[in-house]
Amino acid sequence: MKNILACLLLITVMSGCSLSMHYLKKGKIDVPQKESYVVSYQAFLNENTTAKISYIDENGKRQKLKSIKGRWEKVLTLKPGSNGHIKITAKGDKARGEFKVLVDGKVISEQILTNKKVLYGLDFYLP
C-alpha cells in the first residue's frame, strides 16, 4: 500500500513538471587534429522565449549573457586540447529553442526543446 501511495505521489509531482532538458558531456569529439578549430554555438528562440547563455571563450573564461531573444550565434577559434562548453536556459509561456554546436562546419550536437522552461547544455573536448 505504501508503494502505491508513493507511486501516485510521484506521478502527481512529475505531471506538474514544466522543464525540457538536454545536457550532454560528450568527451573528446571525433574530428581530425589540427592547429585550430572553428566552433559555432547557435540558438534559435521563438518569440515567446528569453534565454540566459553561458559559454567558455577562447581564453578559457566563462562568459554569461542575459535576456537573449531570437537568433543568437557565437563563433570561436579554439586550440587543440580546449574544452568546449555551452549552457542555455530559456523560459517562456510556450518556450521553444533550436540549438546547434558545430566544429569546423560539422554538427556535433543538435536539439529542439519545447516547454515552459528549457535547458540545453554541451561539454566537449577538442583533440
Protein backbone atom coordinates (compact mmCIF):
# COMPACT_ATOMS: atom_id res chain seq x y z
CA MET A 1 0.00 0.00 0.00
CA LYS A 2 2.86 2.39 0.82
CA ASN A 3 4.40 1.72 -2.61
CA ILE A 4 1.14 2.53 -4.38
CA LEU A 5 0.77 5.81 -2.47
CA ALA A 6 4.41 6.70 -3.19
CA CYS A 7 3.90 5.98 -6.90
CA LEU A 8 0.74 8.10 -7.04
CA LEU A 9 2.52 10.96 -5.29
CA LEU A 10 5.47 10.70 -7.69
CA ILE A 11 3.17 10.70 -10.72
CA THR A 12 1.36 13.78 -9.41
CA VAL A 13 4.62 15.64 -8.83
CA MET A 14 6.07 14.65 -12.22
CA SER A 15 2.94 15.69 -14.09
CA GLY A 16 3.43 19.25 -12.83
CA CYS A 17 6.95 19.49 -14.27
CA SER A 18 7.43 22.03 -17.00
CA LEU A 19 11.09 21.50 -17.89
CA SER A 20 12.53 20.08 -21.08
CA MET A 21 16.22 19.30 -20.72
CA HIS A 22 19.14 18.03 -22.81
CA TYR A 23 22.63 18.17 -21.27
CA LEU A 24 25.42 16.05 -22.68
CA LYS A 25 29.03 15.55 -21.67
CA LYS A 26 30.38 14.36 -24.98
CA GLY A 27 34.06 13.93 -24.10
CA LYS A 28 36.66 14.01 -26.86
CA ILE A 29 34.96 14.65 -30.20
CA ASP A 30 35.81 12.80 -33.39
CA VAL A 31 37.44 15.42 -35.62
CA PRO A 32 40.89 15.40 -37.21
CA GLN A 33 43.58 17.02 -35.08
CA LYS A 34 44.73 20.41 -36.37
CA GLU A 35 46.22 23.73 -35.23
CA SER A 36 42.86 25.38 -34.50
CA TYR A 37 39.13 24.69 -34.71
CA VAL A 38 36.22 26.97 -35.58
CA VAL A 39 33.43 26.32 -33.08
CA SER A 40 29.97 27.79 -33.63
CA TYR A 41 27.30 27.89 -30.92
CA GLN A 42 23.81 28.65 -32.25
CA ALA A 43 20.41 29.21 -30.66
CA PHE A 44 17.14 29.99 -32.45
CA LEU A 45 14.47 31.03 -29.93
CA ASN A 46 10.79 31.60 -30.71
CA GLU A 47 9.11 34.94 -29.98
CA ASN A 48 7.84 33.76 -26.56
CA THR A 49 11.29 32.76 -25.31
CA THR A 50 14.05 34.58 -23.41
CA ALA A 51 17.36 32.89 -22.55
CA LYS A 52 20.42 33.06 -20.34
CA ILE A 53 23.55 31.74 -22.06
CA SER A 54 26.95 30.84 -20.69
CA TYR A 55 29.91 29.56 -22.66
CA ILE A 56 33.69 29.24 -22.37
CA ASP A 57 35.54 31.69 -24.63
CA GLU A 58 38.91 31.41 -26.46
CA ASN A 59 40.75 32.40 -23.27
CA GLY A 60 39.07 29.71 -21.16
CA LYS A 61 36.88 32.24 -19.34
CA ARG A 62 33.18 31.79 -18.74
CA GLN A 63 31.01 34.39 -20.46
CA LYS A 64 27.44 34.99 -19.28
CA LEU A 65 24.69 36.66 -21.29
CA LYS A 66 21.15 37.53 -20.19
CA SER A 67 17.85 38.38 -21.90
CA ILE A 68 18.76 36.79 -25.26
CA LYS A 69 15.90 36.61 -27.79
CA GLY A 70 15.55 35.43 -31.38
CA ARG A 71 18.63 34.20 -33.21
CA TRP A 72 21.99 34.10 -31.40
CA GLU A 73 25.35 32.79 -32.61
CA LYS A 74 28.88 32.87 -31.24
CA VAL A 75 31.84 31.77 -33.37
CA LEU A 76 35.12 30.97 -31.61
CA THR A 77 38.53 29.80 -32.75
CA LEU A 78 39.78 27.23 -30.22
CA LYS A 79 43.13 25.49 -29.90
CA PRO A 80 43.70 21.72 -29.65
CA GLY A 81 43.10 20.44 -26.13
CA SER A 82 40.48 23.11 -25.41
CA ASN A 83 37.28 22.37 -23.58
CA GLY A 84 34.07 23.49 -25.25
CA HIS A 85 31.10 24.39 -23.07
CA ILE A 86 27.69 25.93 -23.71
CA LYS A 87 24.66 26.12 -21.41
CA ILE A 88 21.38 27.77 -22.37
CA THR A 89 18.43 28.16 -20.02
CA ALA A 90 15.33 29.56 -21.70
CA LYS A 91 11.87 30.44 -20.38
CA GLY A 92 8.54 31.46 -21.84
CA ASP A 93 4.84 30.56 -21.86
CA LYS A 94 5.48 28.23 -24.79
CA ALA A 95 9.28 28.30 -24.89
CA ARG A 96 10.90 26.70 -27.92
CA GLY A 97 14.54 26.60 -28.83
CA GLU A 98 16.60 25.04 -31.59
CA PHE A 99 20.22 24.55 -30.58
CA LYS A 100 23.31 23.55 -32.57
CA VAL A 101 27.03 23.23 -31.98
CA LEU A 102 29.34 22.93 -34.98
CA VAL A 103 33.08 22.26 -35.16
CA ASP A 104 34.64 23.23 -38.49
CA GLY A 105 31.16 23.18 -40.06
CA LYS A 106 30.32 19.66 -38.77
CA VAL A 107 27.29 19.43 -36.47
CA ILE A 108 28.33 17.72 -33.23
CA SER A 109 25.08 18.43 -31.37
CA GLU A 110 21.59 19.45 -32.46
CA GLN A 111 18.44 19.59 -30.35
CA ILE A 112 14.95 21.11 -30.40
CA LEU A 113 13.32 21.62 -26.98
CA THR A 114 9.88 22.96 -26.03
CA ASN A 115 8.21 23.61 -22.66
CA LYS A 116 7.77 26.48 -20.17
CA LYS A 117 11.47 26.14 -19.36
CA VAL A 118 14.17 24.50 -21.49
CA LEU A 119 17.77 23.67 -20.68
CA TYR A 120 20.35 22.80 -23.31
CA GLY A 121 23.96 22.12 -22.49
CA LEU A 122 27.01 20.55 -24.04
CA ASP A 123 30.54 19.92 -22.78
CA PHE A 124 33.20 18.53 -25.11
CA TYR A 125 36.95 18.28 -25.56
CA LEU A 126 38.91 19.05 -28.74
CA PRO A 127 41.74 16.63 -29.66
